[in-house]
Amino acid sequence: MNADQGLFVPLILGILEGLTEFLPVSSTGHLLLAGHFFGLTQPTTFIVLIQLGAILAVITVYFAKLGMLLRDALLGKRYAWQFALAVVLACLPAVVTGVLLRDFIQGDLWESAMLICITLLVGGVVLLIVDRLPLQPRYDDIYRFPWHLALIIGLFQMLSLVPGVSRSGSTVVGGMLFGASKRAAAEFTFFIALPIMVGAFGYDLYKSRDLIDASIALNVAIGFAAAFVAGALVVRYLLSFVSRYGFAPFAWWRIAVGGAGLVALFVMR
């Protein structure tokens, strides 16, 4: 970060993280492109640590539902355990693949602005097509998702390890194609985000522990707070927005950002 940028960079990156983490537009893709085109960069440890703000945003908004699920699981209610199994199945493929390919993903793939722009653009087209398909939803209650649907969503989520694809975007597309309603597909992504993001946060924090010092503490605090506020707003209002407008606005945004990025890359050559 340039000295004259002050605290502007961590603030903007925190807002970007919070706004895009739960939208089907790829938070990682946006953060990496912000660094590539505008010089808005921070150490990898910063990106890792501010994710906790987005995690806490989900916990805050869904605190009552999470408490209810935990209570019902302890009481032995079947639906709570069925839902827990669905979340585990949806998370497992991406967790295993992410651990095995972490260095390759955060190295070669994260460094390719061209790849990110292409995946944003292609993912936008796919999301737009799926959003307009005359699908007949069979599952509207996330607590009753069958195990095979959860596993399919988990396999789709593996695609999001490629920057620009989007974790929520891939899971939404997978869920809708195999019977979930738009609202249910979007809501399920909030719940499977928790173990995925907590696991990624803990693992990356451990791997980067020697790089963390007090010099980035203020930047992390600002980015964390910004990610938390922006993420809470998105989580609170996304489902009603999707119910009313679908995913087309996010698809067009992806297409616009990916297309603009490709034009910029060719002009800068």
C-alpha atoms as a PDB file:
ATOM      1  CA  MET A   1       0.000   0.000   0.000  1.00  0.00           C
ATOM      2  CA  ASN A   2       1.277   3.454  -0.846  1.00  0.00           C
ATOM      3  CA  ALA A   3       1.765   5.708   2.118  1.00  0.00           C
ATOM      4  CA  ASP A   4      -0.364   8.508   0.688  1.00  0.00           C
ATOM      5  CA  GLN A   5      -3.345   6.185   0.480  1.00  0.00           C
ATOM      6  CA  GLY A   6      -3.560   6.064   4.269  1.00  0.00           C
ATOM      7  CA  LEU A   7      -6.482   4.020   5.543  1.00  0.00           C
ATOM      8  CA  PHE A   8      -8.424   4.317   2.293  1.00  0.00           C
ATOM      9  CA  VAL A   9      -7.244   0.962   0.932  1.00  0.00           C
ATOM     10  CA  PRO A  10      -8.242  -1.264   3.879  1.00  0.00           C
ATOM     11  CA  LEU A  11     -11.598   0.542   4.061  1.00  0.00           C
ATOM     12  CA  ILE A  12     -12.383  -0.026   0.377  1.00  0.00           C
ATOM     13  CA  LEU A  13     -11.162  -3.620   0.429  1.00  0.00           C
ATOM     14  CA  GLY A  14     -13.210  -4.322   3.558  1.00  0.00           C
ATOM     15  CA  ILE A  15     -16.332  -2.933   1.912  1.00  0.00           C
ATOM     16  CA  LEU A  16     -15.611  -4.976  -1.230  1.00  0.00           C
ATOM     17  CA  GLU A  17     -15.177  -8.142   0.832  1.00  0.00           C
ATOM     18  CA  GLY A  18     -18.411  -7.603   2.749  1.00  0.00           C
ATOM     19  CA  LEU A  19     -20.478  -6.662  -0.292  1.00  0.00           C
ATOM     20  CA  THR A  20     -19.278  -9.419  -2.591  1.00  0.00           C
ATOM     21  CA  GLU A  21     -18.669 -12.390  -0.267  1.00  0.00           C
ATOM     22  CA  PHE A  22     -22.316 -13.483  -0.296  1.00  0.00           C
ATOM     23  CA  LEU A  23     -23.280 -12.193  -3.733  1.00  0.00           C
ATOM     24  CA  PRO A  24     -22.729 -14.456  -6.758  1.00  0.00           C
ATOM     25  CA  VAL A  25     -20.053 -12.121  -8.141  1.00  0.00           C
ATOM     26  CA  SER A  26     -16.802 -13.464  -6.563  1.00  0.00           C
ATOM     27  CA  SER A  27     -15.292 -11.546  -3.665  1.00  0.00           C
ATOM     28  CA  THR A  28     -11.801 -12.909  -4.365  1.00  0.00           C
ATOM     29  CA  GLY A  29     -12.041 -11.886  -8.013  1.00  0.00           C
ATOM     30  CA  HIS A  30     -13.060  -8.337  -7.122  1.00  0.00           C
ATOM     31  CA  LEU A  31     -10.327  -7.972  -4.488  1.00  0.00           C
ATOM     32  CA  LEU A  32      -7.621  -9.263  -6.825  1.00  0.00           C
ATOM     33  CA  LEU A  33      -8.753  -7.060  -9.716  1.00  0.00           C
ATOM     34  CA  ALA A  34      -8.847  -4.043  -7.397  1.00  0.00           C
ATOM     35  CA  GLY A  35      -5.209  -4.746  -6.656  1.00  0.00           C
ATOM     36  CA  HIS A  36      -4.246  -5.371 -10.280  1.00  0.00           C
ATOM     37  CA  PHE A  37      -5.929  -2.351 -11.876  1.00  0.00           C
ATOM     38  CA  PHE A  38      -6.042   0.223  -9.065  1.00  0.00           C
ATOM     39  CA  GLY A  39      -3.140  -0.745  -6.831  1.00  0.00           C
ATOM     40  CA  LEU A  40      -5.474  -1.389  -3.890  1.00  0.00           C
ATOM     41  CA  THR A  41      -3.372  -4.097  -2.316  1.00  0.00           C
ATOM     42  CA  GLN A  42      -2.742  -5.491   1.138  1.00  0.00           C
ATOM     43  CA  PRO A  43      -0.758  -8.508   2.367  1.00  0.00           C
ATOM     44  CA  THR A  44      -2.440 -11.886   1.968  1.00  0.00           C
ATOM     45  CA  THR A  45      -2.784 -12.016   5.742  1.00  0.00           C
ATOM     46  CA  PHE A  46      -5.008  -8.931   5.610  1.00  0.00           C
ATOM     47  CA  ILE A  47      -7.392 -10.599   3.150  1.00  0.00           C
ATOM     48  CA  VAL A  48      -7.452 -13.695   5.365  1.00  0.00           C
ATOM     49  CA  LEU A  49      -8.182 -11.817   8.574  1.00  0.00           C
ATOM     50  CA  ILE A  50     -10.947  -9.509   7.318  1.00  0.00           C
ATOM     51  CA  GLN A  51     -12.953 -12.540   6.193  1.00  0.00           C
ATOM     52  CA  LEU A  52     -13.841 -12.972   9.845  1.00  0.00           C
ATOM     53  CA  GLY A  53     -15.921  -9.800   9.570  1.00  0.00           C
ATOM     54  CA  ALA A  54     -18.076 -11.383   6.864  1.00  0.00           C
ATOM     55  CA  ILE A  55     -18.346 -14.584   8.912  1.00  0.00           C
ATOM     56  CA  LEU A  56     -19.593 -12.692  11.952  1.00  0.00           C
ATOM     57  CA  ALA A  57     -22.097 -10.857   9.759  1.00  0.00           C
ATOM     58  CA  VAL A  58     -23.817 -14.160   8.951  1.00  0.00           C
ATOM     59  CA  ILE A  59     -23.716 -15.268  12.571  1.00  0.00           C
ATOM     60  CA  THR A  60     -25.232 -11.967  13.717  1.00  0.00           C
ATOM     61  CA  VAL A  61     -28.100 -11.986  11.218  1.00  0.00           C
ATOM     62  CA  TYR A  62     -28.809 -15.725  11.625  1.00  0.00           C
ATOM     63  CA  PHE A  63     -28.067 -15.920  15.351  1.00  0.00           C
ATOM     64  CA  ALA A  64     -31.624 -16.940  16.285  1.00  0.00           C
ATOM     65  CA  LYS A  65     -31.854 -19.607  13.575  1.00  0.00           C
ATOM     66  CA  LEU A  66     -28.428 -20.997  14.427  1.00  0.00           C
ATOM     67  CA  GLY A  67     -29.403 -21.170  18.090  1.00  0.00           C
ATOM     68  CA  MET A  68     -32.654 -22.936  17.213  1.00  0.00           C
ATOM     69  CA  LEU A  69     -30.823 -25.486  15.055  1.00  0.00           C
ATOM     70  CA  LEU A  70     -28.311 -26.186  17.803  1.00  0.00           C
ATOM     71  CA  ARG A  71     -31.075 -26.592  20.380  1.00  0.00           C
ATOM     72  CA  ASP A  72     -33.095 -28.927  18.176  1.00  0.00           C
ATOM     73  CA  ALA A  73     -30.003 -30.980  17.345  1.00  0.00           C
ATOM     74  CA  LEU A  74     -29.283 -31.443  21.051  1.00  0.00           C
ATOM     75  CA  LEU A  75     -32.911 -32.479  21.502  1.00  0.00           C
ATOM     76  CA  GLY A  76     -32.409 -35.116  18.829  1.00  0.00           C
ATOM     77  CA  LYS A  77     -34.783 -33.671  16.247  1.00  0.00           C
ATOM     78  CA  ARG A  78     -34.256 -35.372  12.914  1.00  0.00           C
ATOM     79  CA  TYR A  79     -34.527 -32.319  10.662  1.00  0.00           C
ATOM     80  CA  ALA A  80     -31.676 -30.568  12.527  1.00  0.00           C
ATOM     81  CA  TRP A  81     -29.336 -33.530  12.071  1.00  0.00           C
ATOM     82  CA  GLN A  82     -30.437 -33.915   8.446  1.00  0.00           C
ATOM     83  CA  PHE A  83     -29.594 -30.263   7.853  1.00  0.00           C
ATOM     84  CA  ALA A  84     -26.221 -30.635   9.593  1.00  0.00           C
ATOM     85  CA  LEU A  85     -25.411 -33.594   7.330  1.00  0.00           C
ATOM     86  CA  ALA A  86     -26.425 -31.574   4.266  1.00  0.00           C
ATOM     87  CA  VAL A  87     -24.083 -28.742   5.281  1.00  0.00           C
ATOM     88  CA  VAL A  88     -21.193 -31.155   5.836  1.00  0.00           C
ATOM     89  CA  LEU A  89     -21.740 -32.844   2.474  1.00  0.00           C
ATOM     90  CA  ALA A  90     -21.929 -29.483   0.721  1.00  0.00           C
ATOM     91  CA  CYS A  91     -18.657 -28.326   2.311  1.00  0.00           C
ATOM     92  CA  LEU A  92     -16.530 -31.449   2.110  1.00  0.00           C
ATOM     93  CA  PRO A  93     -15.499 -31.447  -1.598  1.00  0.00           C
ATOM     94  CA  ALA A  94     -14.286 -27.831  -1.587  1.00  0.00           C
ATOM     95  CA  VAL A  95     -12.516 -28.209   1.759  1.00  0.00           C
ATOM     96  CA  VAL A  96     -10.506 -31.237   0.652  1.00  0.00           C
ATOM     97  CA  THR A  97      -9.663 -29.777  -2.752  1.00  0.00           C
ATOM     98  CA  GLY A  98      -8.842 -26.369  -1.287  1.00  0.00           C
ATOM     99  CA  VAL A  99      -6.356 -27.817   1.206  1.00  0.00           C
ATOM    100  CA  LEU A 100      -4.650 -29.973  -1.421  1.00  0.00           C
ATOM    101  CA  LEU A 101      -4.380 -27.196  -4.032  1.00  0.00           C
ATOM    102  CA  ARG A 102      -3.985 -24.124  -1.761  1.00  0.00           C
ATOM    103  CA  ASP A 103      -0.508 -23.096  -2.962  1.00  0.00           C
ATOM    104  CA  PHE A 104      -1.413 -23.515  -6.634  1.00  0.00           C
ATOM    105  CA  ILE A 105      -4.685 -21.595  -6.249  1.00  0.00           C
ATOM    106  CA  GLN A 106      -3.234 -18.688  -4.265  1.00  0.00           C
ATOM    107  CA  GLY A 107      -0.161 -18.633  -6.483  1.00  0.00           C
ATOM    108  CA  ASP A 108      -0.672 -19.258 -10.177  1.00  0.00           C
ATOM    109  CA  LEU A 109      -4.436 -18.719 -10.325  1.00  0.00           C
ATOM    110  CA  TRP A 110      -4.624 -15.611  -8.118  1.00  0.00           C
ATOM    111  CA  GLU A 111      -1.927 -13.923 -10.188  1.00  0.00           C
ATOM    112  CA  SER A 112      -3.824 -14.218 -13.494  1.00  0.00           C
ATOM    113  CA  ALA A 113      -6.011 -11.154 -14.029  1.00  0.00           C
ATOM    114  CA  MET A 114      -6.923 -12.535 -17.457  1.00  0.00           C
ATOM    115  CA  LEU A 115      -8.297 -15.728 -15.907  1.00  0.00           C
ATOM    116  CA  ILE A 116     -10.320 -13.771 -13.356  1.00  0.00           C
ATOM    117  CA  CYS A 117     -11.891 -11.538 -16.011  1.00  0.00           C
ATOM    118  CA  ILE A 118     -12.775 -14.528 -18.182  1.00  0.00           C
ATOM    119  CA  THR A 119     -14.344 -16.467 -15.310  1.00  0.00           C
ATOM    120  CA  LEU A 120     -16.328 -13.390 -14.240  1.00  0.00           C
ATOM    121  CA  LEU A 121     -17.625 -12.949 -17.782  1.00  0.00           C
ATOM    122  CA  VAL A 122     -18.391 -16.615 -18.457  1.00  0.00           C
ATOM    123  CA  GLY A 123     -19.884 -17.081 -14.995  1.00  0.00           C
ATOM    124  CA  GLY A 124     -22.146 -14.093 -15.594  1.00  0.00           C
ATOM    125  CA  VAL A 125     -23.449 -15.592 -18.832  1.00  0.00           C
ATOM    126  CA  VAL A 126     -24.057 -18.955 -17.129  1.00  0.00           C
ATOM    127  CA  LEU A 127     -25.850 -17.306 -14.202  1.00  0.00           C
ATOM    128  CA  LEU A 128     -28.016 -15.278 -16.581  1.00  0.00           C
ATOM    129  CA  ILE A 129     -28.989 -18.370 -18.570  1.00  0.00           C
ATOM    130  CA  VAL A 130     -29.804 -20.429 -15.471  1.00  0.00           C
ATOM    131  CA  ASP A 131     -31.776 -17.538 -13.963  1.00  0.00           C
ATOM    132  CA  ARG A 132     -33.981 -17.444 -17.078  1.00  0.00           C
ATOM    133  CA  LEU A 133     -34.504 -21.190 -17.470  1.00  0.00           C
ATOM    134  CA  PRO A 134     -38.093 -22.375 -16.877  1.00  0.00           C
ATOM    135  CA  LEU A 135     -37.057 -24.529 -13.929  1.00  0.00           C
ATOM    136  CA  GLN A 136     -39.615 -26.136 -11.644  1.00  0.00           C
ATOM    137  CA  PRO A 137     -38.277 -25.958  -8.059  1.00  0.00           C
ATOM    138  CA  ARG A 138     -38.831 -29.057  -5.928  1.00  0.00           C
ATOM    139  CA  TYR A 139     -37.058 -27.901  -2.782  1.00  0.00           C
ATOM    140  CA  ASP A 140     -37.965 -24.636  -1.071  1.00  0.00           C
ATOM    141  CA  ASP A 141     -37.043 -25.533   2.523  1.00  0.00           C
ATOM    142  CA  ILE A 142     -33.284 -25.621   3.131  1.00  0.00           C
ATOM    143  CA  TYR A 143     -33.798 -27.698   6.270  1.00  0.00           C
ATOM    144  CA  ARG A 144     -35.237 -30.489   4.138  1.00  0.00           C
ATOM    145  CA  PHE A 145     -32.620 -30.599   1.385  1.00  0.00           C
ATOM    146  CA  PRO A 146     -31.904 -34.269   0.514  1.00  0.00           C
ATOM    147  CA  TRP A 147     -28.339 -35.474   0.909  1.00  0.00           C
ATOM    148  CA  HIS A 148     -27.795 -35.899  -2.826  1.00  0.00           C
ATOM    149  CA  LEU A 149     -28.744 -32.260  -3.532  1.00  0.00           C
ATOM    150  CA  ALA A 150     -26.326 -31.069  -0.830  1.00  0.00           C
ATOM    151  CA  LEU A 151     -23.525 -33.180  -2.309  1.00  0.00           C
ATOM    152  CA  ILE A 152     -24.219 -31.860  -5.814  1.00  0.00           C
ATOM    153  CA  ILE A 153     -24.086 -28.293  -4.495  1.00  0.00           C
ATOM    154  CA  GLY A 154     -20.793 -29.182  -2.825  1.00  0.00           C
ATOM    155  CA  LEU A 155     -19.346 -30.455  -6.103  1.00  0.00           C
ATOM    156  CA  PHE A 156     -20.401 -27.234  -7.819  1.00  0.00           C
ATOM    157  CA  GLN A 157     -18.776 -25.267  -4.998  1.00  0.00           C
ATOM    158  CA  MET A 158     -15.414 -26.798  -5.939  1.00  0.00           C
ATOM    159  CA  LEU A 159     -15.508 -24.630  -9.065  1.00  0.00           C
ATOM    160  CA  SER A 160     -15.294 -21.539  -6.867  1.00  0.00           C
ATOM    161  CA  LEU A 161     -11.688 -22.381  -5.988  1.00  0.00           C
ATOM    162  CA  VAL A 162     -10.903 -20.775  -9.343  1.00  0.00           C
ATOM    163  CA  PRO A 163     -10.847 -16.998  -8.695  1.00  0.00           C
ATOM    164  CA  GLY A 164     -13.708 -15.177 -10.372  1.00  0.00           C
ATOM    165  CA  VAL A 165     -16.093 -18.129 -10.344  1.00  0.00           C
ATOM    166  CA  SER A 166     -17.748 -17.214  -6.991  1.00  0.00           C
ATOM    167  CA  ARG A 167     -18.591 -19.592  -4.163  1.00  0.00           C
ATOM    168  CA  SER A 168     -22.171 -18.371  -3.840  1.00  0.00           C
ATOM    169  CA  GLY A 169     -22.574 -18.209  -7.617  1.00  0.00           C
ATOM    170  CA  SER A 170     -21.489 -21.797  -8.179  1.00  0.00           C
ATOM    171  CA  THR A 171     -23.637 -23.140  -5.340  1.00  0.00           C
ATOM    172  CA  VAL A 172     -26.680 -21.154  -6.470  1.00  0.00           C
ATOM    173  CA  VAL A 173     -26.364 -22.464 -10.032  1.00  0.00           C
ATOM    174  CA  GLY A 174     -25.901 -26.037  -8.817  1.00  0.00           C
ATOM    175  CA  GLY A 175     -28.832 -25.788  -6.435  1.00  0.00           C
ATOM    176  CA  MET A 176     -31.210 -24.290  -8.996  1.00  0.00           C
ATOM    177  CA  LEU A 177     -30.298 -26.768 -11.734  1.00  0.00           C
ATOM    178  CA  PHE A 178     -31.073 -29.671  -9.427  1.00  0.00           C
ATOM    179  CA  GLY A 179     -34.342 -28.513  -7.926  1.00  0.00           C
ATOM    180  CA  ALA A 180     -33.810 -25.749  -5.358  1.00  0.00           C
ATOM    181  CA  SER A 181     -35.797 -22.535  -5.558  1.00  0.00           C
ATOM    182  CA  LYS A 182     -33.902 -19.272  -6.067  1.00  0.00           C
ATOM    183  CA  ARG A 183     -34.488 -18.155  -2.485  1.00  0.00           C
ATOM    184  CA  ALA A 184     -33.566 -21.536  -0.995  1.00  0.00           C
ATOM    185  CA  ALA A 185     -30.425 -21.796  -3.141  1.00  0.00           C
ATOM    186  CA  ALA A 186     -29.316 -18.350  -1.970  1.00  0.00           C
ATOM    187  CA  GLU A 187     -30.098 -18.998   1.696  1.00  0.00           C
ATOM    188  CA  PHE A 188     -28.286 -22.342   1.737  1.00  0.00           C
ATOM    189  CA  THR A 189     -25.111 -20.560   0.637  1.00  0.00           C
ATOM    190  CA  PHE A 190     -25.162 -18.515   3.867  1.00  0.00           C
ATOM    191  CA  PHE A 191     -25.083 -21.637   6.021  1.00  0.00           C
ATOM    192  CA  ILE A 192     -22.443 -23.515   4.054  1.00  0.00           C
ATOM    193  CA  ALA A 193     -20.342 -20.334   4.003  1.00  0.00           C
ATOM    194  CA  LEU A 194     -19.829 -20.552   7.758  1.00  0.00           C
ATOM    195  CA  PRO A 195     -17.812 -23.801   7.997  1.00  0.00           C
ATOM    196  CA  ILE A 196     -16.069 -23.104   4.675  1.00  0.00           C
ATOM    197  CA  MET A 197     -14.982 -19.602   5.666  1.00  0.00           C
ATOM    198  CA  VAL A 198     -14.145 -20.499   9.266  1.00  0.00           C
ATOM    199  CA  GLY A 199     -12.059 -23.427   8.039  1.00  0.00           C
ATOM    200  CA  ALA A 200     -10.296 -21.334   5.383  1.00  0.00           C
ATOM    201  CA  PHE A 201      -9.725 -18.546   7.904  1.00  0.00           C
ATOM    202  CA  GLY A 202      -8.227 -20.905  10.490  1.00  0.00           C
ATOM    203  CA  TYR A 203      -6.073 -22.788   7.986  1.00  0.00           C
ATOM    204  CA  ASP A 204      -4.735 -19.653   6.256  1.00  0.00           C
ATOM    205  CA  LEU A 205      -4.181 -17.981   9.620  1.00  0.00           C
ATOM    206  CA  TYR A 206      -2.087 -20.951  10.713  1.00  0.00           C
ATOM    207  CA  LYS A 207      -0.118 -21.026   7.445  1.00  0.00           C
ATOM    208  CA  SER A 208       0.490 -17.257   7.597  1.00  0.00           C
ATOM    209  CA  ARG A 209       1.133 -17.007  11.345  1.00  0.00           C
ATOM    210  CA  ASP A 210       4.764 -15.934  10.917  1.00  0.00           C
ATOM    211  CA  LEU A 211       3.744 -13.006   8.693  1.00  0.00           C
ATOM    212  CA  ILE A 212       1.269 -11.442  11.123  1.00  0.00           C
ATOM    213  CA  ASP A 213       2.481  -8.558  13.251  1.00  0.00           C
ATOM    214  CA  ALA A 214       1.194  -5.384  14.873  1.00  0.00           C
ATOM    215  CA  SER A 215       2.068  -3.263  11.830  1.00  0.00           C
ATOM    216  CA  ILE A 216      -1.099  -4.308  10.011  1.00  0.00           C
ATOM    217  CA  ALA A 217      -3.354  -4.268  13.090  1.00  0.00           C
ATOM    218  CA  LEU A 218      -5.069  -0.948  12.330  1.00  0.00           C
ATOM    219  CA  ASN A 219      -5.620  -1.844   8.676  1.00  0.00           C
ATOM    220  CA  VAL A 220      -7.095  -5.195   9.679  1.00  0.00           C
ATOM    221  CA  ALA A 221      -9.397  -3.533  12.226  1.00  0.00           C
ATOM    222  CA  ILE A 222     -10.731  -1.114   9.602  1.00  0.00           C
ATOM    223  CA  GLY A 223     -11.128  -3.819   6.954  1.00  0.00           C
ATOM    224  CA  PHE A 224     -12.778  -6.143   9.463  1.00  0.00           C
ATOM    225  CA  ALA A 225     -15.334  -3.506  10.536  1.00  0.00           C
ATOM    226  CA  ALA A 226     -16.118  -2.537   6.949  1.00  0.00           C
ATOM    227  CA  ALA A 227     -16.550  -6.189   5.909  1.00  0.00           C
ATOM    228  CA  PHE A 228     -18.827  -6.834   8.874  1.00  0.00           C
ATOM    229  CA  VAL A 229     -21.159  -3.881   8.203  1.00  0.00           C
ATOM    230  CA  ALA A 230     -21.331  -4.418   4.441  1.00  0.00           C
ATOM    231  CA  GLY A 231     -21.742  -8.193   4.844  1.00  0.00           C
ATOM    232  CA  ALA A 232     -24.555  -7.795   7.381  1.00  0.00           C
ATOM    233  CA  LEU A 233     -26.477  -5.519   5.004  1.00  0.00           C
ATOM    234  CA  VAL A 234     -26.107  -8.011   2.147  1.00  0.00           C
ATOM    235  CA  VAL A 235     -27.146 -11.022   4.238  1.00  0.00           C
ATOM    236  CA  ARG A 236     -30.143  -9.186   5.676  1.00  0.00           C
ATOM    237  CA  TYR A 237     -31.601  -8.014   2.365  1.00  0.00           C
ATOM    238  CA  LEU A 238     -30.306 -10.430  -0.287  1.00  0.00           C
ATOM    239  CA  LEU A 239     -33.076 -13.037  -0.029  1.00  0.00           C
ATOM    240  CA  SER A 240     -35.899 -10.538  -0.523  1.00  0.00           C
ATOM    241  CA  PHE A 241     -33.977  -8.977  -3.428  1.00  0.00           C
ATOM    242  CA  VAL A 242     -33.460 -12.367  -5.096  1.00  0.00           C
ATOM    243  CA  SER A 243     -37.121 -13.295  -4.580  1.00  0.00           C
ATOM    244  CA  ARG A 244     -38.146 -10.139  -6.395  1.00  0.00           C
ATOM    245  CA  TYR A 245     -35.491  -9.695  -9.100  1.00  0.00           C
ATOM    246  CA  GLY A 246     -33.729 -13.048  -9.402  1.00  0.00           C
ATOM    247  CA  PHE A 247     -30.003 -13.257 -10.119  1.00  0.00           C
ATOM    248  CA  ALA A 248     -29.960 -11.363 -13.433  1.00  0.00           C
ATOM    249  CA  PRO A 249     -28.651  -8.072 -11.923  1.00  0.00           C
ATOM    250  CA  PHE A 250     -25.631  -9.903 -10.512  1.00  0.00           C
ATOM    251  CA  ALA A 251     -25.097 -11.726 -13.805  1.00  0.00           C
ATOM    252  CA  TRP A 252     -25.012  -8.448 -15.721  1.00  0.00           C
ATOM    253  CA  TRP A 253     -22.620  -6.970 -13.156  1.00  0.00           C
ATOM    254  CA  ARG A 254     -20.250  -9.902 -13.635  1.00  0.00           C
ATOM    255  CA  ILE A 255     -20.429  -9.521 -17.406  1.00  0.00           C
ATOM    256  CA  ALA A 256     -19.750  -5.780 -17.164  1.00  0.00           C
ATOM    257  CA  VAL A 257     -16.776  -6.157 -14.788  1.00  0.00           C
ATOM    258  CA  GLY A 258     -15.282  -9.108 -16.651  1.00  0.00           C
ATOM    259  CA  GLY A 259     -15.743  -7.438 -20.036  1.00  0.00           C
ATOM    260  CA  ALA A 260     -14.297  -4.133 -18.856  1.00  0.00           C
ATOM    261  CA  GLY A 261     -11.364  -5.957 -17.319  1.00  0.00           C
ATOM    262  CA  LEU A 262     -10.574  -7.793 -20.560  1.00  0.00           C
ATOM    263  CA  VAL A 263     -10.711  -4.537 -22.548  1.00  0.00           C
ATOM    264  CA  ALA A 264      -8.385  -2.895 -20.014  1.00  0.00           C
ATOM    265  CA  LEU A 265      -5.929  -5.785 -20.180  1.00  0.00           C
ATOM    266  CA  PHE A 266      -5.734  -5.592 -23.977  1.00  0.00           C
ATOM    267  CA  VAL A 267      -5.357  -1.798 -23.929  1.00  0.00           C
ATOM    268  CA  MET A 268      -2.585  -2.005 -21.318  1.00  0.00           C
ATOM    269  CA  ARG A 269      -0.534  -4.444 -23.413  1.00  0.00           C
END
